[in-house]
Amino acid sequence: MYGEAFRAPTFAELYNQNNPAIVGNPDLNPEQINTIEISWQNSDLDNLDMSLTLFKSHISDIITIDSVGQHENLGDIKTNGVEAEIKYNLGRGSYIMGNYTYQDPINKTTNTPMADVSKHKAYVALNYRLDRNYNLYVDANYRGEQFRGLADTRKKVSGFTTANATLLVKSFL
């Protein structure tokens, strides 16, 4: 697969004037991304679906804040990665699934890891249909550590996990 996309500058990135620290720039260009992926999927095994995807992306005209506090198009980012996913159908609408993504985004201008992006991401979920009126959904989402930008002197963000549980009731009668 091959794809191209863009992210237009926000209104604040273009026209912000009343913030003493960050000023807008009406001459910003949209960020551009080109991505190529190779994917393998298999659902031949009973109740088991699997996929593996390799990807490579190039993002140009990154919108960032320069040293004087103005939004500018600065830098290119290249990333390579892999994503694996597995889902096992338990029957009657119930399933367990998980996925893992590894990506290595590098800012080619500074030759540093991309700020605020995790190299490792993982997700697991269980959807269990208790009966025709009750359904339980439990999931956990992991994000690995995130590096700060070169101008950001705070320490990197440690990895973290968030978890949720939902009980869906379709009818009280």
N, C-alpha and C. Protein backbone atom coordinates (compact mmCIF):
# COMPACT_ATOMS: atom_id res chain seq x y z
N MET A 1 0.84 -1.17 0.00
CA MET A 1 0.00 0.00 0.00
C MET A 1 0.88 1.24 0.00
N TYR A 2 0.41 2.27 -0.63
CA TYR A 2 1.10 3.54 -0.64
C TYR A 2 0.07 4.63 -0.36
N GLY A 3 0.44 5.61 0.45
CA GLY A 3 -0.48 6.69 0.74
C GLY A 3 0.24 8.02 0.90
N GLU A 4 -0.48 9.08 0.59
CA GLU A 4 -0.01 10.43 0.79
C GLU A 4 -1.10 11.20 1.53
N ALA A 5 -0.68 12.09 2.43
CA ALA A 5 -1.65 12.89 3.18
C ALA A 5 -0.99 14.20 3.59
N PHE A 6 -1.79 15.09 4.17
CA PHE A 6 -1.25 16.34 4.69
C PHE A 6 -2.00 16.73 5.95
N ARG A 7 -1.37 17.58 6.76
CA ARG A 7 -2.02 18.19 7.92
C ARG A 7 -1.89 19.70 7.75
N ALA A 8 -3.03 20.35 7.56
CA ALA A 8 -3.02 21.80 7.41
C ALA A 8 -2.71 22.46 8.75
N PRO A 9 -2.07 23.63 8.73
CA PRO A 9 -1.82 24.34 9.98
C PRO A 9 -3.13 24.71 10.67
N THR A 10 -3.11 24.71 12.00
CA THR A 10 -4.30 25.12 12.75
C THR A 10 -4.44 26.64 12.70
N PHE A 11 -5.58 27.12 13.10
CA PHE A 11 -5.82 28.56 13.14
C PHE A 11 -4.80 29.24 14.06
N ALA A 12 -4.54 28.62 15.23
CA ALA A 12 -3.58 29.21 16.18
C ALA A 12 -2.17 29.21 15.60
N GLU A 13 -1.77 28.13 14.90
CA GLU A 13 -0.44 28.09 14.30
C GLU A 13 -0.27 29.18 13.24
N LEU A 14 -1.36 29.52 12.58
CA LEU A 14 -1.30 30.54 11.53
C LEU A 14 -1.41 31.97 12.09
N TYR A 15 -2.34 32.19 13.04
CA TYR A 15 -2.72 33.56 13.37
C TYR A 15 -2.59 33.96 14.83
N ASN A 16 -2.05 33.11 15.70
CA ASN A 16 -1.94 33.45 17.12
C ASN A 16 -1.09 34.72 17.29
N GLN A 17 -1.67 35.76 17.97
CA GLN A 17 -0.94 37.01 18.16
C GLN A 17 -0.89 37.43 19.62
N ASN A 18 -1.80 36.97 20.45
CA ASN A 18 -1.92 37.46 21.82
C ASN A 18 -1.21 36.60 22.85
N ASN A 19 -0.47 35.63 22.42
CA ASN A 19 0.31 34.79 23.33
C ASN A 19 1.73 35.35 23.37
N PRO A 20 2.20 35.72 24.54
CA PRO A 20 3.54 36.33 24.60
C PRO A 20 4.68 35.36 24.29
N ALA A 21 4.43 34.06 24.32
CA ALA A 21 5.49 33.07 24.12
C ALA A 21 5.48 32.46 22.73
N ILE A 22 4.31 32.31 22.10
CA ILE A 22 4.21 31.61 20.82
C ILE A 22 3.37 32.45 19.86
N VAL A 23 3.93 32.74 18.69
CA VAL A 23 3.29 33.59 17.70
C VAL A 23 2.96 32.77 16.45
N GLY A 24 1.83 33.06 15.85
CA GLY A 24 1.43 32.38 14.63
C GLY A 24 2.23 32.85 13.43
N ASN A 25 2.09 32.11 12.33
CA ASN A 25 2.81 32.43 11.11
C ASN A 25 1.88 32.15 9.92
N PRO A 26 1.35 33.19 9.27
CA PRO A 26 0.41 32.98 8.16
C PRO A 26 1.05 32.38 6.92
N ASP A 27 2.38 32.25 6.88
CA ASP A 27 3.08 31.70 5.72
C ASP A 27 3.39 30.20 5.85
N LEU A 28 2.81 29.53 6.85
CA LEU A 28 3.08 28.10 7.04
C LEU A 28 2.54 27.26 5.89
N ASN A 29 3.27 26.21 5.57
CA ASN A 29 2.81 25.20 4.61
C ASN A 29 2.23 24.02 5.39
N PRO A 30 1.38 23.22 4.76
CA PRO A 30 0.90 22.00 5.43
C PRO A 30 2.03 20.99 5.59
N GLU A 31 1.96 20.18 6.65
CA GLU A 31 2.86 19.05 6.78
C GLU A 31 2.45 18.01 5.73
N GLN A 32 3.42 17.32 5.15
CA GLN A 32 3.16 16.30 4.13
C GLN A 32 3.68 14.97 4.63
N ILE A 33 2.96 13.87 4.33
CA ILE A 33 3.44 12.53 4.69
C ILE A 33 3.26 11.59 3.50
N ASN A 34 4.27 10.77 3.28
CA ASN A 34 4.24 9.68 2.30
C ASN A 34 4.53 8.40 3.06
N THR A 35 3.70 7.38 2.87
CA THR A 35 3.84 6.13 3.60
C THR A 35 3.74 4.95 2.63
N ILE A 36 4.59 3.96 2.88
CA ILE A 36 4.48 2.70 2.14
C ILE A 36 4.40 1.58 3.18
N GLU A 37 3.51 0.61 2.93
CA GLU A 37 3.30 -0.51 3.86
C GLU A 37 3.25 -1.82 3.09
N ILE A 38 3.74 -2.85 3.75
CA ILE A 38 3.58 -4.22 3.27
C ILE A 38 2.89 -4.97 4.41
N SER A 39 1.80 -5.66 4.08
CA SER A 39 1.01 -6.31 5.13
C SER A 39 0.71 -7.75 4.76
N TRP A 40 0.76 -8.62 5.76
CA TRP A 40 0.38 -10.03 5.63
C TRP A 40 -0.75 -10.28 6.62
N GLN A 41 -1.82 -10.92 6.15
CA GLN A 41 -2.95 -11.25 7.02
C GLN A 41 -3.32 -12.71 6.82
N ASN A 42 -3.74 -13.36 7.92
CA ASN A 42 -4.13 -14.75 7.86
C ASN A 42 -5.31 -14.97 8.78
N SER A 43 -6.37 -15.55 8.23
CA SER A 43 -7.52 -15.95 9.04
C SER A 43 -7.92 -17.38 8.72
N ASP A 44 -6.95 -18.19 8.26
CA ASP A 44 -7.21 -19.58 7.90
C ASP A 44 -7.37 -20.51 9.10
N LEU A 45 -6.79 -20.14 10.24
CA LEU A 45 -6.89 -20.97 11.43
C LEU A 45 -8.24 -20.74 12.11
N ASP A 46 -8.79 -21.78 12.71
CA ASP A 46 -10.09 -21.67 13.37
C ASP A 46 -10.07 -20.58 14.43
N ASN A 47 -10.99 -19.62 14.29
CA ASN A 47 -11.21 -18.56 15.27
C ASN A 47 -10.02 -17.65 15.52
N LEU A 48 -8.98 -17.71 14.69
CA LEU A 48 -7.78 -16.92 14.92
C LEU A 48 -7.47 -16.05 13.70
N ASP A 49 -7.34 -14.75 13.93
CA ASP A 49 -6.95 -13.80 12.89
C ASP A 49 -5.60 -13.20 13.28
N MET A 50 -4.69 -13.10 12.31
CA MET A 50 -3.36 -12.53 12.58
C MET A 50 -2.99 -11.59 11.44
N SER A 51 -2.19 -10.58 11.77
CA SER A 51 -1.64 -9.71 10.73
C SER A 51 -0.28 -9.19 11.16
N LEU A 52 0.53 -8.90 10.18
CA LEU A 52 1.85 -8.33 10.39
C LEU A 52 2.06 -7.28 9.31
N THR A 53 2.42 -6.06 9.72
CA THR A 53 2.60 -4.96 8.78
C THR A 53 3.95 -4.30 9.00
N LEU A 54 4.69 -4.10 7.92
CA LEU A 54 5.92 -3.33 7.94
C LEU A 54 5.63 -2.00 7.27
N PHE A 55 6.14 -0.89 7.84
CA PHE A 55 5.85 0.41 7.25
C PHE A 55 7.06 1.32 7.28
N LYS A 56 7.03 2.28 6.36
CA LYS A 56 8.08 3.30 6.25
C LYS A 56 7.38 4.60 5.86
N SER A 57 7.67 5.68 6.62
CA SER A 57 7.02 6.96 6.36
C SER A 57 8.04 8.09 6.32
N HIS A 58 7.71 9.11 5.54
CA HIS A 58 8.52 10.33 5.48
C HIS A 58 7.56 11.51 5.64
N ILE A 59 7.80 12.32 6.67
CA ILE A 59 6.98 13.51 6.93
C ILE A 59 7.86 14.73 6.71
N SER A 60 7.39 15.66 5.88
CA SER A 60 8.16 16.87 5.60
C SER A 60 7.37 18.11 6.00
N ASP A 61 8.07 19.23 6.07
CA ASP A 61 7.50 20.52 6.47
C ASP A 61 6.84 20.45 7.85
N ILE A 62 7.52 19.80 8.80
CA ILE A 62 7.00 19.68 10.16
C ILE A 62 6.76 21.06 10.74
N ILE A 63 5.57 21.27 11.30
CA ILE A 63 5.25 22.53 11.94
C ILE A 63 5.73 22.45 13.39
N THR A 64 6.63 23.36 13.74
CA THR A 64 7.21 23.38 15.08
C THR A 64 7.40 24.83 15.50
N ILE A 65 7.90 25.03 16.68
CA ILE A 65 8.13 26.38 17.19
C ILE A 65 9.63 26.65 17.16
N ASP A 66 10.03 27.75 16.53
CA ASP A 66 11.46 28.06 16.43
C ASP A 66 11.98 28.72 17.70
N SER A 67 13.24 29.12 17.69
CA SER A 67 13.90 29.64 18.90
C SER A 67 13.35 30.99 19.36
N VAL A 68 12.63 31.70 18.52
CA VAL A 68 12.06 32.99 18.94
C VAL A 68 10.56 32.87 19.25
N GLY A 69 10.03 31.65 19.24
CA GLY A 69 8.64 31.43 19.63
C GLY A 69 7.63 31.58 18.52
N GLN A 70 8.04 31.41 17.27
CA GLN A 70 7.11 31.50 16.14
C GLN A 70 6.97 30.12 15.48
N HIS A 71 5.77 29.80 15.05
CA HIS A 71 5.54 28.56 14.31
C HIS A 71 6.26 28.63 12.97
N GLU A 72 6.98 27.57 12.64
CA GLU A 72 7.73 27.48 11.38
C GLU A 72 7.65 26.07 10.84
N ASN A 73 7.85 25.93 9.52
CA ASN A 73 8.03 24.62 8.91
C ASN A 73 9.51 24.26 9.02
N LEU A 74 9.85 23.38 9.95
CA LEU A 74 11.24 23.02 10.18
C LEU A 74 11.36 21.51 10.30
N GLY A 75 12.12 20.92 9.42
CA GLY A 75 12.49 19.53 9.62
C GLY A 75 11.70 18.51 8.84
N ASP A 76 12.33 17.34 8.76
CA ASP A 76 11.77 16.15 8.14
C ASP A 76 11.89 15.01 9.13
N ILE A 77 10.92 14.12 9.10
CA ILE A 77 10.95 12.96 9.97
C ILE A 77 10.82 11.72 9.11
N LYS A 78 11.67 10.74 9.39
CA LYS A 78 11.57 9.44 8.74
C LYS A 78 11.37 8.40 9.82
N THR A 79 10.48 7.46 9.55
CA THR A 79 10.24 6.40 10.52
C THR A 79 10.07 5.06 9.81
N ASN A 80 10.57 4.03 10.46
CA ASN A 80 10.38 2.65 10.03
C ASN A 80 9.71 1.93 11.18
N GLY A 81 8.89 0.95 10.87
CA GLY A 81 8.25 0.24 11.97
C GLY A 81 7.58 -1.04 11.55
N VAL A 82 7.04 -1.72 12.57
CA VAL A 82 6.34 -2.99 12.37
C VAL A 82 5.17 -3.03 13.35
N GLU A 83 4.06 -3.62 12.91
CA GLU A 83 2.91 -3.81 13.78
C GLU A 83 2.42 -5.24 13.62
N ALA A 84 2.16 -5.90 14.75
CA ALA A 84 1.62 -7.26 14.76
C ALA A 84 0.31 -7.25 15.53
N GLU A 85 -0.67 -7.99 15.02
CA GLU A 85 -1.97 -8.05 15.67
C GLU A 85 -2.49 -9.48 15.64
N ILE A 86 -3.16 -9.87 16.71
CA ILE A 86 -3.75 -11.19 16.81
C ILE A 86 -5.12 -11.06 17.49
N LYS A 87 -6.08 -11.84 17.00
CA LYS A 87 -7.43 -11.82 17.58
C LYS A 87 -7.95 -13.25 17.60
N TYR A 88 -8.43 -13.69 18.78
CA TYR A 88 -9.00 -15.02 18.92
C TYR A 88 -10.48 -14.88 19.26
N ASN A 89 -11.33 -15.42 18.40
CA ASN A 89 -12.78 -15.37 18.61
C ASN A 89 -13.19 -16.49 19.55
N LEU A 90 -13.80 -16.10 20.67
CA LEU A 90 -14.22 -17.06 21.68
C LEU A 90 -15.62 -17.60 21.41
N GLY A 91 -16.33 -17.03 20.44
CA GLY A 91 -17.68 -17.46 20.11
C GLY A 91 -18.73 -16.55 20.73
N ARG A 92 -19.92 -16.55 20.19
CA ARG A 92 -21.06 -15.75 20.66
C ARG A 92 -20.74 -14.26 20.79
N GLY A 93 -19.86 -13.74 19.94
CA GLY A 93 -19.52 -12.32 19.98
C GLY A 93 -18.39 -11.97 20.93
N SER A 94 -17.82 -12.95 21.59
CA SER A 94 -16.72 -12.71 22.52
C SER A 94 -15.38 -12.92 21.81
N TYR A 95 -14.37 -12.15 22.23
CA TYR A 95 -13.03 -12.30 21.65
C TYR A 95 -11.98 -11.72 22.59
N ILE A 96 -10.75 -12.12 22.34
CA ILE A 96 -9.59 -11.54 23.00
C ILE A 96 -8.63 -11.13 21.89
N MET A 97 -8.02 -9.96 22.04
CA MET A 97 -7.13 -9.49 20.98
C MET A 97 -5.99 -8.67 21.56
N GLY A 98 -4.95 -8.53 20.77
CA GLY A 98 -3.81 -7.70 21.17
C GLY A 98 -3.03 -7.26 19.96
N ASN A 99 -2.34 -6.14 20.12
CA ASN A 99 -1.43 -5.70 19.07
C ASN A 99 -0.22 -5.01 19.68
N TYR A 100 0.84 -4.97 18.89
CA TYR A 100 2.08 -4.35 19.32
C TYR A 100 2.66 -3.59 18.12
N THR A 101 3.13 -2.37 18.39
CA THR A 101 3.75 -1.57 17.35
C THR A 101 5.12 -1.11 17.82
N TYR A 102 6.11 -1.26 16.94
CA TYR A 102 7.43 -0.68 17.16
C TYR A 102 7.66 0.29 16.01
N GLN A 103 8.05 1.51 16.36
CA GLN A 103 8.41 2.48 15.34
C GLN A 103 9.64 3.25 15.80
N ASP A 104 10.42 3.72 14.84
CA ASP A 104 11.65 4.44 15.16
C ASP A 104 11.67 5.77 14.40
N PRO A 105 10.91 6.76 14.88
CA PRO A 105 10.87 8.04 14.19
C PRO A 105 12.09 8.90 14.52
N ILE A 106 12.78 9.34 13.48
CA ILE A 106 13.99 10.15 13.63
C ILE A 106 13.78 11.49 12.94
N ASN A 107 14.06 12.58 13.67
CA ASN A 107 14.06 13.90 13.07
C ASN A 107 15.35 14.02 12.27
N LYS A 108 15.24 14.06 10.95
CA LYS A 108 16.42 14.06 10.09
C LYS A 108 17.18 15.39 10.16
N THR A 109 16.54 16.45 10.59
CA THR A 109 17.21 17.74 10.71
C THR A 109 18.17 17.74 11.90
N THR A 110 17.72 17.18 13.03
CA THR A 110 18.54 17.17 14.25
C THR A 110 19.19 15.82 14.52
N ASN A 111 18.80 14.79 13.74
CA ASN A 111 19.27 13.41 13.93
C ASN A 111 19.00 12.91 15.36
N THR A 112 17.82 13.23 15.86
CA THR A 112 17.40 12.82 17.20
C THR A 112 16.04 12.12 17.10
N PRO A 113 15.68 11.32 18.13
CA PRO A 113 14.35 10.71 18.12
C PRO A 113 13.26 11.79 18.10
N MET A 114 12.17 11.49 17.45
CA MET A 114 11.06 12.44 17.37
C MET A 114 10.51 12.68 18.77
N ALA A 115 10.31 13.94 19.11
CA ALA A 115 9.80 14.31 20.42
C ALA A 115 8.36 13.85 20.59
N ASP A 116 8.03 13.42 21.81
CA ASP A 116 6.66 13.11 22.22
C ASP A 116 6.02 11.93 21.49
N VAL A 117 6.83 11.03 20.96
CA VAL A 117 6.32 9.83 20.28
C VAL A 117 6.98 8.60 20.88
N SER A 118 6.18 7.62 21.24
CA SER A 118 6.71 6.37 21.81
C SER A 118 7.20 5.44 20.72
N LYS A 119 8.32 4.77 20.97
CA LYS A 119 8.79 3.74 20.05
C LYS A 119 7.97 2.46 20.20
N HIS A 120 7.47 2.20 21.42
CA HIS A 120 6.73 0.97 21.71
C HIS A 120 5.30 1.30 22.11
N LYS A 121 4.34 0.59 21.49
CA LYS A 121 2.94 0.70 21.86
C LYS A 121 2.35 -0.70 21.87
N ALA A 122 1.48 -0.96 22.84
CA ALA A 122 0.82 -2.27 22.89
C ALA A 122 -0.60 -2.08 23.39
N TYR A 123 -1.47 -3.00 22.99
CA TYR A 123 -2.87 -2.93 23.36
C TYR A 123 -3.40 -4.36 23.50
N VAL A 124 -4.12 -4.62 24.57
CA VAL A 124 -4.82 -5.90 24.75
C VAL A 124 -6.25 -5.63 25.15
N ALA A 125 -7.15 -6.49 24.73
CA ALA A 125 -8.57 -6.29 25.04
C ALA A 125 -9.28 -7.64 25.12
N LEU A 126 -10.27 -7.68 25.98
CA LEU A 126 -11.17 -8.82 26.10
C LEU A 126 -12.59 -8.29 26.00
N ASN A 127 -13.33 -8.81 25.05
CA ASN A 127 -14.76 -8.51 24.93
C ASN A 127 -15.49 -9.81 25.23
N TYR A 128 -16.25 -9.83 26.33
CA TYR A 128 -16.90 -11.07 26.75
C TYR A 128 -18.40 -10.85 26.87
N ARG A 129 -19.14 -11.58 26.06
CA ARG A 129 -20.59 -11.51 26.09
C ARG A 129 -21.08 -12.46 27.18
N LEU A 130 -21.56 -11.88 28.29
CA LEU A 130 -22.02 -12.69 29.42
C LEU A 130 -23.32 -13.40 29.09
N ASP A 131 -24.25 -12.69 28.52
CA ASP A 131 -25.50 -13.25 28.00
C ASP A 131 -26.07 -12.23 27.02
N ARG A 132 -27.33 -12.38 26.63
CA ARG A 132 -27.87 -11.50 25.59
C ARG A 132 -28.03 -10.06 26.04
N ASN A 133 -28.01 -9.79 27.36
CA ASN A 133 -28.20 -8.44 27.86
C ASN A 133 -26.94 -7.80 28.43
N TYR A 134 -25.93 -8.59 28.73
CA TYR A 134 -24.73 -8.05 29.39
C TYR A 134 -23.47 -8.38 28.60
N ASN A 135 -22.63 -7.37 28.45
CA ASN A 135 -21.37 -7.53 27.75
C ASN A 135 -20.27 -6.82 28.55
N LEU A 136 -19.16 -7.50 28.78
CA LEU A 136 -18.03 -6.94 29.52
C LEU A 136 -16.88 -6.69 28.56
N TYR A 137 -16.33 -5.48 28.60
CA TYR A 137 -15.18 -5.12 27.76
C TYR A 137 -14.08 -4.57 28.67
N VAL A 138 -12.90 -5.19 28.63
CA VAL A 138 -11.76 -4.79 29.44
C VAL A 138 -10.58 -4.60 28.50
N ASP A 139 -9.84 -3.49 28.66
CA ASP A 139 -8.68 -3.28 27.81
C ASP A 139 -7.56 -2.58 28.57
N ALA A 140 -6.36 -2.70 28.03
CA ALA A 140 -5.18 -2.02 28.57
C ALA A 140 -4.36 -1.51 27.40
N ASN A 141 -3.86 -0.29 27.54
CA ASN A 141 -3.13 0.38 26.48
C ASN A 141 -1.78 0.85 27.04
N TYR A 142 -0.68 0.38 26.47
CA TYR A 142 0.66 0.74 26.93
C TYR A 142 1.32 1.68 25.93
N ARG A 143 1.98 2.71 26.45
CA ARG A 143 2.81 3.61 25.65
C ARG A 143 4.20 3.65 26.29
N GLY A 144 5.23 3.42 25.50
CA GLY A 144 6.59 3.45 26.00
C GLY A 144 7.06 4.88 26.25
N GLU A 145 8.28 5.00 26.76
CA GLU A 145 8.82 6.31 27.09
C GLU A 145 8.84 7.22 25.87
N GLN A 146 8.76 8.52 26.15
CA GLN A 146 8.75 9.53 25.10
C GLN A 146 9.85 10.55 25.38
N PHE A 147 10.63 10.87 24.37
CA PHE A 147 11.69 11.86 24.51
C PHE A 147 11.13 13.25 24.31
N ARG A 148 11.75 14.23 24.90
CA ARG A 148 11.38 15.64 24.75
C ARG A 148 12.13 16.24 23.56
N GLY A 149 11.63 17.37 23.08
CA GLY A 149 12.32 18.11 22.03
C GLY A 149 13.64 18.67 22.56
N LEU A 150 14.51 19.08 21.64
CA LEU A 150 15.83 19.58 22.02
C LEU A 150 15.75 20.79 22.95
N ALA A 151 14.77 21.66 22.76
CA ALA A 151 14.65 22.87 23.58
C ALA A 151 13.93 22.60 24.90
N ASP A 152 13.35 21.42 25.06
CA ASP A 152 12.59 21.09 26.27
C ASP A 152 13.54 20.42 27.27
N THR A 153 13.78 21.08 28.39
CA THR A 153 14.77 20.60 29.36
C THR A 153 14.19 19.61 30.37
N ARG A 154 12.89 19.35 30.30
CA ARG A 154 12.32 18.37 31.23
C ARG A 154 12.80 16.97 30.88
N LYS A 155 12.77 16.06 31.87
CA LYS A 155 13.19 14.69 31.59
C LYS A 155 12.16 14.00 30.70
N LYS A 156 12.59 12.90 30.08
CA LYS A 156 11.69 12.17 29.19
C LYS A 156 10.50 11.63 29.97
N VAL A 157 9.41 11.38 29.26
CA VAL A 157 8.20 10.85 29.86
C VAL A 157 8.36 9.34 29.99
N SER A 158 8.16 8.80 31.18
CA SER A 158 8.25 7.36 31.38
C SER A 158 7.09 6.66 30.69
N GLY A 159 7.30 5.38 30.39
CA GLY A 159 6.22 4.59 29.82
C GLY A 159 5.06 4.46 30.81
N PHE A 160 3.86 4.25 30.30
CA PHE A 160 2.69 4.15 31.16
C PHE A 160 1.64 3.25 30.53
N THR A 161 0.74 2.77 31.36
CA THR A 161 -0.37 1.92 30.92
C THR A 161 -1.68 2.50 31.44
N THR A 162 -2.68 2.54 30.59
CA THR A 162 -4.03 2.90 31.02
C THR A 162 -4.92 1.67 30.81
N ALA A 163 -5.86 1.48 31.70
CA ALA A 163 -6.76 0.33 31.61
C ALA A 163 -8.20 0.81 31.81
N ASN A 164 -9.12 0.12 31.18
CA ASN A 164 -10.54 0.45 31.25
C ASN A 164 -11.36 -0.83 31.37
N ALA A 165 -12.50 -0.69 31.99
CA ALA A 165 -13.47 -1.80 32.04
C ALA A 165 -14.85 -1.20 31.82
N THR A 166 -15.63 -1.83 30.97
CA THR A 166 -16.98 -1.36 30.67
C THR A 166 -17.94 -2.52 30.75
N LEU A 167 -19.04 -2.33 31.44
CA LEU A 167 -20.12 -3.31 31.46
C LEU A 167 -21.27 -2.69 30.70
N LEU A 168 -21.65 -3.31 29.59
CA LEU A 168 -22.73 -2.81 28.76
C LEU A 168 -23.99 -3.60 29.10
N VAL A 169 -25.04 -2.87 29.47
CA VAL A 169 -26.33 -3.48 29.77
C VAL A 169 -27.29 -3.04 28.67
N LYS A 170 -27.83 -4.01 27.95
CA LYS A 170 -28.70 -3.70 26.82
C LYS A 170 -30.16 -3.49 27.23
N SER A 171 -30.59 -4.14 28.30
CA SER A 171 -31.98 -4.02 28.70
C SER A 171 -32.09 -4.33 30.20
N PHE A 172 -32.83 -3.49 30.91
CA PHE A 172 -33.06 -3.75 32.33
C PHE A 172 -34.30 -4.61 32.54
N LEU A 173 -35.09 -4.81 31.51
CA LEU A 173 -36.35 -5.54 31.64
C LEU A 173 -36.18 -7.02 31.45
